[in-house]
Amino acid sequence: MQPILCFMSEPAEQSGSTLGGTNIQVDRLSSDLLNLAVIVVFVILFLRTAAPSVHSRYLKHLAGVYALIGLFYLSSIALMMLKLVLYFSAHGEKSQVDPVFADLEKVAELIKLIFSSLSSCFLVLTWYLLWHYPQQGISKGFYGTVLGVYIAIIPALETIGHMFGWTGLGVLDVTDTLFASIGVIMVGLGLCRLIWIHRGLRRPVRDVAVVGVAIAYLFWAVPQPLFHWYQGALWFWLLLAAGKVIAGLAALLVSIVVLQPKPEFRSPPHSNP
């Protein structure tokens, strides 16, 4: 869900350690692996929680969001490994690998943009299911609206971007950031609504839960626009990992409280001897 076209505009300052004067940030590998591990754990937890529960389609969509973000990090790890193989195959000759690295970056970043954009779409669809809970379907009109917004906003932002000297790819970077941040906030609002309409919670517990979920999703949403300036900083990717953990735990706790088990998973009533 993070914007990822690093070559679209002025590159951010690389604060991590690099290998042999190339753009290979070795310390990014550890943060990518950490993010991927976090995502795998939460995808499993989301699906395991949703399987025995009724009206749990929103949780399956949220698992889809995390899975797409996981593909983003998986492609980043694959690119890093390929760069390392090429670097050592060329015996560290920077002049031989730099042109190849530049081409690889362009292809890989476009692939990651696809995963990031799809995760943003899934965030919006997750919000729709939360906002219309317990309804489980998504109207065709809403699908068309989401697609139409994407189609309309990109040319509009591109026109504005040219006024500031941005490239067309730079506009995609900004658009991806915008949709990621808005999508995360929308899901947080949807979960707050789910808490608010749940009859099993009363004040002040309900109020505290709403505030907690709102803070959790703001913690994930706010760092998204910082990508352009801090994509080279290790702390930024660790902050994103922390945001996903906090938001994921909030979604799980809300779901455990609100969702009801399917009839076949309900415990049989105890009978008196």
C-alpha atoms as a PDB file:
ATOM      1  CA  MET A   1       0.000   0.000   0.000  1.00  0.00           C
ATOM      2  CA  GLN A   2       3.016   2.383   0.080  1.00  0.00           C
ATOM      3  CA  PRO A   3       3.824   4.495  -2.957  1.00  0.00           C
ATOM      4  CA  ILE A   4       6.835   2.942  -4.611  1.00  0.00           C
ATOM      5  CA  LEU A   5       7.938   4.638  -7.830  1.00  0.00           C
ATOM      6  CA  CYS A   6      11.278   5.930  -6.601  1.00  0.00           C
ATOM      7  CA  PHE A   7      12.425   7.020 -10.083  1.00  0.00           C
ATOM      8  CA  MET A   8       9.411   9.218 -10.782  1.00  0.00           C
ATOM      9  CA  SER A   9      10.754  12.403  -9.281  1.00  0.00           C
ATOM     10  CA  GLU A  10      13.695  13.616  -7.259  1.00  0.00           C
ATOM     11  CA  PRO A  11      14.936  10.596  -5.303  1.00  0.00           C
ATOM     12  CA  ALA A  12      14.915  10.775  -1.562  1.00  0.00           C
ATOM     13  CA  GLU A  13      18.178  10.883   0.312  1.00  0.00           C
ATOM     14  CA  GLN A  14      19.404   7.365   0.982  1.00  0.00           C
ATOM     15  CA  SER A  15      20.186   7.127   4.669  1.00  0.00           C
ATOM     16  CA  GLY A  16      20.780   3.369   4.773  1.00  0.00           C
ATOM     17  CA  SER A  17      24.042   1.544   4.102  1.00  0.00           C
ATOM     18  CA  THR A  18      24.724   0.721   0.458  1.00  0.00           C
ATOM     19  CA  LEU A  19      26.882  -1.962  -1.119  1.00  0.00           C
ATOM     20  CA  GLY A  20      29.997  -0.959  -3.015  1.00  0.00           C
ATOM     21  CA  GLY A  21      28.753   2.465  -4.053  1.00  0.00           C
ATOM     22  CA  THR A  22      25.658   1.018  -5.762  1.00  0.00           C
ATOM     23  CA  ASN A  23      22.025   1.709  -4.851  1.00  0.00           C
ATOM     24  CA  ILE A  24      21.719  -1.657  -3.093  1.00  0.00           C
ATOM     25  CA  GLN A  25      20.528  -0.869   0.448  1.00  0.00           C
ATOM     26  CA  VAL A  26      21.454  -3.992   2.357  1.00  0.00           C
ATOM     27  CA  ASP A  27      19.705  -2.889   5.557  1.00  0.00           C
ATOM     28  CA  ARG A  28      16.409  -2.627   3.659  1.00  0.00           C
ATOM     29  CA  LEU A  29      16.388  -6.399   3.285  1.00  0.00           C
ATOM     30  CA  SER A  30      15.877  -6.897   7.023  1.00  0.00           C
ATOM     31  CA  SER A  31      13.015  -4.380   7.167  1.00  0.00           C
ATOM     32  CA  ASP A  32      11.352  -5.925   4.091  1.00  0.00           C
ATOM     33  CA  LEU A  33      11.581  -9.379   5.650  1.00  0.00           C
ATOM     34  CA  LEU A  34      10.130  -8.022   8.905  1.00  0.00           C
ATOM     35  CA  ASN A  35       7.210  -6.397   7.066  1.00  0.00           C
ATOM     36  CA  LEU A  36       6.593  -9.581   5.072  1.00  0.00           C
ATOM     37  CA  ALA A  37       6.599 -11.729   8.225  1.00  0.00           C
ATOM     38  CA  VAL A  38       4.128  -9.377   9.927  1.00  0.00           C
ATOM     39  CA  ILE A  39       1.851  -9.505   6.905  1.00  0.00           C
ATOM     40  CA  VAL A  40       1.885 -13.305   6.639  1.00  0.00           C
ATOM     41  CA  VAL A  41       0.940 -13.623  10.314  1.00  0.00           C
ATOM     42  CA  PHE A  42      -1.973 -11.199   9.995  1.00  0.00           C
ATOM     43  CA  VAL A  43      -3.295 -12.726   6.764  1.00  0.00           C
ATOM     44  CA  ILE A  44      -3.486 -16.068   8.564  1.00  0.00           C
ATOM     45  CA  LEU A  45      -5.112 -14.526  11.635  1.00  0.00           C
ATOM     46  CA  PHE A  46      -7.685 -12.616   9.559  1.00  0.00           C
ATOM     47  CA  LEU A  47      -8.686 -15.691   7.572  1.00  0.00           C
ATOM     48  CA  ARG A  48      -8.787 -17.921  10.649  1.00  0.00           C
ATOM     49  CA  THR A  49     -11.025 -15.410  12.420  1.00  0.00           C
ATOM     50  CA  ALA A  50     -13.295 -14.956   9.403  1.00  0.00           C
ATOM     51  CA  ALA A  51     -13.751 -18.656   8.563  1.00  0.00           C
ATOM     52  CA  PRO A  52     -16.035 -19.635  11.482  1.00  0.00           C
ATOM     53  CA  SER A  53     -17.882 -16.297  11.604  1.00  0.00           C
ATOM     54  CA  VAL A  54     -20.941 -14.905   9.845  1.00  0.00           C
ATOM     55  CA  HIS A  55     -20.880 -11.528   8.072  1.00  0.00           C
ATOM     56  CA  SER A  56     -17.080 -11.647   7.942  1.00  0.00           C
ATOM     57  CA  ARG A  57     -16.469 -10.721   4.309  1.00  0.00           C
ATOM     58  CA  TYR A  58     -14.881  -7.404   5.306  1.00  0.00           C
ATOM     59  CA  LEU A  59     -12.213  -9.318   7.218  1.00  0.00           C
ATOM     60  CA  LYS A  60     -11.445 -11.434   4.151  1.00  0.00           C
ATOM     61  CA  HIS A  61     -11.054  -8.250   2.112  1.00  0.00           C
ATOM     62  CA  LEU A  62      -8.714  -6.889   4.772  1.00  0.00           C
ATOM     63  CA  ALA A  63      -6.700 -10.095   4.472  1.00  0.00           C
ATOM     64  CA  GLY A  64      -6.561  -9.358   0.730  1.00  0.00           C
ATOM     65  CA  VAL A  65      -5.187  -5.881   1.488  1.00  0.00           C
ATOM     66  CA  TYR A  66      -2.397  -7.327   3.595  1.00  0.00           C
ATOM     67  CA  ALA A  67      -1.695 -10.052   1.031  1.00  0.00           C
ATOM     68  CA  LEU A  68      -1.259  -7.482  -1.756  1.00  0.00           C
ATOM     69  CA  ILE A  69       1.057  -5.427   0.445  1.00  0.00           C
ATOM     70  CA  GLY A  70       2.926  -8.671   1.090  1.00  0.00           C
ATOM     71  CA  LEU A  71       3.411  -9.120  -2.654  1.00  0.00           C
ATOM     72  CA  PHE A  72       4.820  -5.589  -2.708  1.00  0.00           C
ATOM     73  CA  TYR A  73       7.473  -6.536  -0.150  1.00  0.00           C
ATOM     74  CA  LEU A  74       8.064  -9.920  -1.782  1.00  0.00           C
ATOM     75  CA  SER A  75       8.855  -8.224  -5.097  1.00  0.00           C
ATOM     76  CA  SER A  76      11.171  -5.813  -3.270  1.00  0.00           C
ATOM     77  CA  ILE A  77      13.032  -8.739  -1.677  1.00  0.00           C
ATOM     78  CA  ALA A  78      13.251 -10.540  -5.041  1.00  0.00           C
ATOM     79  CA  LEU A  79      14.719  -7.404  -6.637  1.00  0.00           C
ATOM     80  CA  MET A  80      17.269  -7.085  -3.836  1.00  0.00           C
ATOM     81  CA  MET A  81      18.342 -10.717  -4.194  1.00  0.00           C
ATOM     82  CA  LEU A  82      18.648 -10.408  -7.967  1.00  0.00           C
ATOM     83  CA  LYS A  83      20.777  -7.287  -7.568  1.00  0.00           C
ATOM     84  CA  LEU A  84      23.066  -9.068  -5.128  1.00  0.00           C
ATOM     85  CA  VAL A  85      23.487 -12.010  -7.508  1.00  0.00           C
ATOM     86  CA  LEU A  86      24.320  -9.690 -10.406  1.00  0.00           C
ATOM     87  CA  TYR A  87      26.659  -7.599  -8.266  1.00  0.00           C
ATOM     88  CA  PHE A  88      28.734 -10.550  -7.101  1.00  0.00           C
ATOM     89  CA  SER A  89      28.621 -12.145 -10.562  1.00  0.00           C
ATOM     90  CA  ALA A  90      30.221  -8.956 -11.910  1.00  0.00           C
ATOM     91  CA  HIS A  91      32.816  -9.119  -9.077  1.00  0.00           C
ATOM     92  CA  GLY A  92      31.670  -5.764  -7.757  1.00  0.00           C
ATOM     93  CA  GLU A  93      32.351  -3.850 -10.983  1.00  0.00           C
ATOM     94  CA  LYS A  94      29.982  -0.903 -10.543  1.00  0.00           C
ATOM     95  CA  SER A  95      30.245   0.196 -14.194  1.00  0.00           C
ATOM     96  CA  GLN A  96      28.923  -3.173 -15.372  1.00  0.00           C
ATOM     97  CA  VAL A  97      25.924  -3.443 -13.093  1.00  0.00           C
ATOM     98  CA  ASP A  98      24.655   0.151 -12.920  1.00  0.00           C
ATOM     99  CA  PRO A  99      22.866   0.126 -16.337  1.00  0.00           C
ATOM    100  CA  VAL A 100      21.284  -3.246 -15.550  1.00  0.00           C
ATOM    101  CA  PHE A 101      20.209  -2.054 -12.112  1.00  0.00           C
ATOM    102  CA  ALA A 102      18.534   1.014 -13.638  1.00  0.00           C
ATOM    103  CA  ASP A 103      16.427  -1.151 -15.973  1.00  0.00           C
ATOM    104  CA  LEU A 104      15.563  -3.584 -13.196  1.00  0.00           C
ATOM    105  CA  GLU A 105      14.430  -0.732 -10.955  1.00  0.00           C
ATOM    106  CA  LYS A 106      11.986   0.570 -13.544  1.00  0.00           C
ATOM    107  CA  VAL A 107      10.391  -2.823 -14.173  1.00  0.00           C
ATOM    108  CA  ALA A 108      10.269  -3.782 -10.492  1.00  0.00           C
ATOM    109  CA  GLU A 109       8.852  -0.456  -9.336  1.00  0.00           C
ATOM    110  CA  LEU A 110       6.058  -0.632 -11.913  1.00  0.00           C
ATOM    111  CA  ILE A 111       5.187  -4.135 -10.684  1.00  0.00           C
ATOM    112  CA  LYS A 112       5.126  -2.893  -7.085  1.00  0.00           C
ATOM    113  CA  LEU A 113       2.938   0.043  -8.110  1.00  0.00           C
ATOM    114  CA  ILE A 114       0.335  -2.431  -9.360  1.00  0.00           C
ATOM    115  CA  PHE A 115       0.288  -4.250  -6.007  1.00  0.00           C
ATOM    116  CA  SER A 116       0.155  -0.965  -4.097  1.00  0.00           C
ATOM    117  CA  SER A 117      -2.738   0.400  -6.169  1.00  0.00           C
ATOM    118  CA  LEU A 118      -4.692  -2.849  -5.861  1.00  0.00           C
ATOM    119  CA  SER A 119      -4.255  -2.822  -2.087  1.00  0.00           C
ATOM    120  CA  SER A 120      -5.659   0.723  -2.008  1.00  0.00           C
ATOM    121  CA  CYS A 121      -8.703  -0.454  -3.985  1.00  0.00           C
ATOM    122  CA  PHE A 122      -9.219  -3.329  -1.560  1.00  0.00           C
ATOM    123  CA  LEU A 123      -9.066  -0.867   1.334  1.00  0.00           C
ATOM    124  CA  VAL A 124     -11.937   1.100  -0.194  1.00  0.00           C
ATOM    125  CA  LEU A 125     -13.928  -2.101  -0.781  1.00  0.00           C
ATOM    126  CA  THR A 126     -13.282  -3.146   2.822  1.00  0.00           C
ATOM    127  CA  TRP A 127     -14.637   0.209   3.979  1.00  0.00           C
ATOM    128  CA  TYR A 128     -17.786  -0.310   1.891  1.00  0.00           C
ATOM    129  CA  LEU A 129     -18.463  -3.674   3.561  1.00  0.00           C
ATOM    130  CA  LEU A 130     -17.875  -2.177   7.004  1.00  0.00           C
ATOM    131  CA  TRP A 131     -20.095   0.817   6.309  1.00  0.00           C
ATOM    132  CA  HIS A 132     -22.953  -1.403   5.075  1.00  0.00           C
ATOM    133  CA  TYR A 133     -22.462  -4.144   7.660  1.00  0.00           C
ATOM    134  CA  PRO A 134     -24.066  -6.713   7.965  1.00  0.00           C
ATOM    135  CA  GLN A 135     -24.697  -6.529   4.208  1.00  0.00           C
ATOM    136  CA  GLN A 136     -22.130  -8.741   2.481  1.00  0.00           C
ATOM    137  CA  GLY A 137     -22.402  -7.697  -1.149  1.00  0.00           C
ATOM    138  CA  ILE A 138     -20.740  -4.825  -2.989  1.00  0.00           C
ATOM    139  CA  SER A 139     -22.876  -3.056  -5.577  1.00  0.00           C
ATOM    140  CA  LYS A 140     -21.719  -2.870  -9.178  1.00  0.00           C
ATOM    141  CA  GLY A 141     -22.323   0.873  -9.052  1.00  0.00           C
ATOM    142  CA  PHE A 142     -19.743   1.246  -6.295  1.00  0.00           C
ATOM    143  CA  TYR A 143     -17.184  -0.706  -8.296  1.00  0.00           C
ATOM    144  CA  GLY A 144     -17.817   1.696 -11.171  1.00  0.00           C
ATOM    145  CA  THR A 145     -17.501   4.698  -8.874  1.00  0.00           C
ATOM    146  CA  VAL A 146     -14.119   3.569  -7.534  1.00  0.00           C
ATOM    147  CA  LEU A 147     -12.840   2.976 -11.064  1.00  0.00           C
ATOM    148  CA  GLY A 148     -14.242   6.311 -12.221  1.00  0.00           C
ATOM    149  CA  VAL A 149     -12.532   8.178  -9.372  1.00  0.00           C
ATOM    150  CA  TYR A 150      -9.205   6.638 -10.299  1.00  0.00           C
ATOM    151  CA  ILE A 151      -9.671   7.548 -13.958  1.00  0.00           C
ATOM    152  CA  ALA A 152     -10.798  11.101 -13.174  1.00  0.00           C
ATOM    153  CA  ILE A 153      -8.272  11.983 -10.493  1.00  0.00           C
ATOM    154  CA  ILE A 154      -5.119  10.889 -12.309  1.00  0.00           C
ATOM    155  CA  PRO A 155      -5.524  13.310 -15.280  1.00  0.00           C
ATOM    156  CA  ALA A 156      -6.556  16.103 -12.895  1.00  0.00           C
ATOM    157  CA  LEU A 157      -3.491  15.590 -10.720  1.00  0.00           C
ATOM    158  CA  GLU A 158      -1.305  15.270 -13.791  1.00  0.00           C
ATOM    159  CA  THR A 159      -2.470  18.713 -14.956  1.00  0.00           C
ATOM    160  CA  ILE A 160      -1.683  20.158 -11.544  1.00  0.00           C
ATOM    161  CA  GLY A 161       1.627  18.299 -11.467  1.00  0.00           C
ATOM    162  CA  HIS A 162       2.795  19.842 -14.736  1.00  0.00           C
ATOM    163  CA  MET A 163       2.295  23.259 -13.138  1.00  0.00           C
ATOM    164  CA  PHE A 164       4.925  22.298 -10.558  1.00  0.00           C
ATOM    165  CA  GLY A 165       7.213  20.528 -13.011  1.00  0.00           C
ATOM    166  CA  TRP A 166       6.356  16.980 -11.976  1.00  0.00           C
ATOM    167  CA  THR A 167       6.626  14.074 -14.397  1.00  0.00           C
ATOM    168  CA  GLY A 168       3.671  11.881 -15.305  1.00  0.00           C
ATOM    169  CA  LEU A 169       5.109   9.051 -13.233  1.00  0.00           C
ATOM    170  CA  GLY A 170       5.522  11.448 -10.339  1.00  0.00           C
ATOM    171  CA  VAL A 171       1.779  12.053 -10.473  1.00  0.00           C
ATOM    172  CA  LEU A 172       1.197   8.309 -10.070  1.00  0.00           C
ATOM    173  CA  ASP A 173       3.399   8.421  -6.995  1.00  0.00           C
ATOM    174  CA  VAL A 174       1.304  11.187  -5.428  1.00  0.00           C
ATOM    175  CA  THR A 175      -1.957   9.479  -6.415  1.00  0.00           C
ATOM    176  CA  ASP A 176      -0.863   6.201  -4.854  1.00  0.00           C
ATOM    177  CA  THR A 177       0.062   7.999  -1.632  1.00  0.00           C
ATOM    178  CA  LEU A 178      -3.265   9.798  -1.532  1.00  0.00           C
ATOM    179  CA  PHE A 179      -5.367   6.681  -2.038  1.00  0.00           C
ATOM    180  CA  ALA A 180      -3.327   4.646   0.449  1.00  0.00           C
ATOM    181  CA  SER A 181      -3.747   7.206   3.234  1.00  0.00           C
ATOM    182  CA  ILE A 182      -7.439   7.786   2.528  1.00  0.00           C
ATOM    183  CA  GLY A 183      -8.112   4.053   2.235  1.00  0.00           C
ATOM    184  CA  VAL A 184      -6.552   3.272   5.614  1.00  0.00           C
ATOM    185  CA  ILE A 185      -8.502   6.084   7.290  1.00  0.00           C
ATOM    186  CA  MET A 186     -11.742   4.874   5.678  1.00  0.00           C
ATOM    187  CA  VAL A 187     -11.241   1.348   7.032  1.00  0.00           C
ATOM    188  CA  GLY A 188     -10.594   2.808  10.476  1.00  0.00           C
ATOM    189  CA  LEU A 189     -13.848   4.779  10.255  1.00  0.00           C
ATOM    190  CA  GLY A 190     -15.688   1.639   9.157  1.00  0.00           C
ATOM    191  CA  LEU A 191     -14.411  -0.297  12.165  1.00  0.00           C
ATOM    192  CA  CYS A 192     -15.417   2.598  14.452  1.00  0.00           C
ATOM    193  CA  ARG A 193     -18.937   2.374  13.015  1.00  0.00           C
ATOM    194  CA  LEU A 194     -18.950  -1.383  13.625  1.00  0.00           C
ATOM    195  CA  ILE A 195     -18.137  -0.792  17.279  1.00  0.00           C
ATOM    196  CA  TRP A 196     -20.741   1.965  17.573  1.00  0.00           C
ATOM    197  CA  ILE A 197     -23.633  -0.128  16.245  1.00  0.00           C
ATOM    198  CA  HIS A 198     -22.715  -3.226  18.255  1.00  0.00           C
ATOM    199  CA  ARG A 199     -25.317  -3.675  20.972  1.00  0.00           C
ATOM    200  CA  GLY A 200     -23.049  -5.690  23.223  1.00  0.00           C
ATOM    201  CA  LEU A 201     -20.870  -2.684  24.059  1.00  0.00           C
ATOM    202  CA  ARG A 202     -21.954   0.157  26.300  1.00  0.00           C
ATOM    203  CA  ARG A 203     -20.380   3.399  27.328  1.00  0.00           C
ATOM    204  CA  PRO A 204     -17.654   4.109  28.344  1.00  0.00           C
ATOM    205  CA  VAL A 205     -16.176   0.900  26.887  1.00  0.00           C
ATOM    206  CA  ARG A 206     -17.625   1.675  23.468  1.00  0.00           C
ATOM    207  CA  ASP A 207     -16.209   5.216  23.450  1.00  0.00           C
ATOM    208  CA  VAL A 208     -12.747   4.025  24.491  1.00  0.00           C
ATOM    209  CA  ALA A 209     -12.801   1.325  21.801  1.00  0.00           C
ATOM    210  CA  VAL A 210     -13.756   3.844  19.092  1.00  0.00           C
ATOM    211  CA  VAL A 211     -10.943   6.202  20.110  1.00  0.00           C
ATOM    212  CA  GLY A 212      -8.453   3.312  20.254  1.00  0.00           C
ATOM    213  CA  VAL A 213      -9.311   2.076  16.758  1.00  0.00           C
ATOM    214  CA  ALA A 214      -9.173   5.616  15.354  1.00  0.00           C
ATOM    215  CA  ILE A 215      -5.703   6.168  16.813  1.00  0.00           C
ATOM    216  CA  ALA A 216      -4.500   2.774  15.563  1.00  0.00           C
ATOM    217  CA  TYR A 217      -5.484   3.498  11.965  1.00  0.00           C
ATOM    218  CA  LEU A 218      -4.171   7.051  12.066  1.00  0.00           C
ATOM    219  CA  PHE A 219      -0.855   5.577  13.191  1.00  0.00           C
ATOM    220  CA  TRP A 220      -0.836   3.507   9.979  1.00  0.00           C
ATOM    221  CA  ALA A 221      -2.213   6.228   7.690  1.00  0.00           C
ATOM    222  CA  VAL A 222      -0.170   9.283   8.685  1.00  0.00           C
ATOM    223  CA  PRO A 223       3.286   7.934   7.652  1.00  0.00           C
ATOM    224  CA  GLN A 224       2.124   7.066   4.117  1.00  0.00           C
ATOM    225  CA  PRO A 225       2.723  10.543   2.585  1.00  0.00           C
ATOM    226  CA  LEU A 226       6.236  10.639   4.089  1.00  0.00           C
ATOM    227  CA  PHE A 227       7.395   8.062   1.548  1.00  0.00           C
ATOM    228  CA  HIS A 228       8.610  10.656  -0.941  1.00  0.00           C
ATOM    229  CA  TRP A 229      11.055  12.134   1.561  1.00  0.00           C
ATOM    230  CA  TYR A 230      11.999   9.146   3.731  1.00  0.00           C
ATOM    231  CA  GLN A 231      11.857   6.086   1.468  1.00  0.00           C
ATOM    232  CA  GLY A 232      15.595   5.603   2.011  1.00  0.00           C
ATOM    233  CA  ALA A 233      15.364   5.634   5.811  1.00  0.00           C
ATOM    234  CA  LEU A 234      15.199   2.337   7.663  1.00  0.00           C
ATOM    235  CA  TRP A 235      13.114   3.832  10.491  1.00  0.00           C
ATOM    236  CA  PHE A 236      10.372   4.722   7.997  1.00  0.00           C
ATOM    237  CA  TRP A 237       9.842   1.086   6.956  1.00  0.00           C
ATOM    238  CA  LEU A 238       9.941  -0.029  10.578  1.00  0.00           C
ATOM    239  CA  LEU A 239       7.292   2.596  11.344  1.00  0.00           C
ATOM    240  CA  LEU A 240       5.098   1.182   8.575  1.00  0.00           C
ATOM    241  CA  ALA A 241       5.548  -2.320  10.016  1.00  0.00           C
ATOM    242  CA  ALA A 242       4.475  -1.038  13.450  1.00  0.00           C
ATOM    243  CA  GLY A 243       1.458   0.667  11.878  1.00  0.00           C
ATOM    244  CA  LYS A 244       0.334  -2.545  10.222  1.00  0.00           C
ATOM    245  CA  VAL A 245       0.699  -4.461  13.487  1.00  0.00           C
ATOM    246  CA  ILE A 246      -1.306  -1.943  15.528  1.00  0.00           C
ATOM    247  CA  ALA A 247      -4.048  -1.587  12.887  1.00  0.00           C
ATOM    248  CA  GLY A 248      -4.218  -5.351  12.377  1.00  0.00           C
ATOM    249  CA  LEU A 249      -4.563  -6.029  16.086  1.00  0.00           C
ATOM    250  CA  ALA A 250      -7.324  -3.415  16.317  1.00  0.00           C
ATOM    251  CA  ALA A 251      -9.238  -5.072  13.467  1.00  0.00           C
ATOM    252  CA  LEU A 252      -8.847  -8.505  15.053  1.00  0.00           C
ATOM    253  CA  LEU A 253     -10.044  -7.353  18.478  1.00  0.00           C
ATOM    254  CA  VAL A 254     -13.086  -5.624  16.992  1.00  0.00           C
ATOM    255  CA  SER A 255     -13.924  -8.690  14.912  1.00  0.00           C
ATOM    256  CA  ILE A 256     -13.602 -11.074  17.870  1.00  0.00           C
ATOM    257  CA  VAL A 257     -16.049  -8.934  19.852  1.00  0.00           C
ATOM    258  CA  VAL A 258     -18.543  -8.162  17.076  1.00  0.00           C
ATOM    259  CA  LEU A 259     -18.648 -11.221  14.806  1.00  0.00           C
ATOM    260  CA  GLN A 260     -20.912 -14.135  15.655  1.00  0.00           C
ATOM    261  CA  PRO A 261     -19.970 -17.771  14.966  1.00  0.00           C
ATOM    262  CA  LYS A 262     -21.668 -19.780  12.255  1.00  0.00           C
ATOM    263  CA  PRO A 263     -24.237 -22.312  13.542  1.00  0.00           C
ATOM    264  CA  GLU A 264     -21.912 -25.262  12.992  1.00  0.00           C
ATOM    265  CA  PHE A 265     -19.218 -23.609  15.116  1.00  0.00           C
ATOM    266  CA  ARG A 266     -21.452 -22.715  18.035  1.00  0.00           C
ATOM    267  CA  SER A 267     -21.052 -24.610  21.259  1.00  0.00           C
ATOM    268  CA  PRO A 268     -24.039 -26.813  22.090  1.00  0.00           C
ATOM    269  CA  PRO A 269     -26.120 -25.593  25.039  1.00  0.00           C
ATOM    270  CA  HIS A 270     -25.336 -27.274  28.342  1.00  0.00           C
ATOM    271  CA  SER A 271     -28.157 -29.442  29.603  1.00  0.00           C
ATOM    272  CA  ASN A 272     -28.834 -30.066  33.273  1.00  0.00           C
ATOM    273  CA  PRO A 273     -28.213 -33.657  34.402  1.00  0.00           C
END
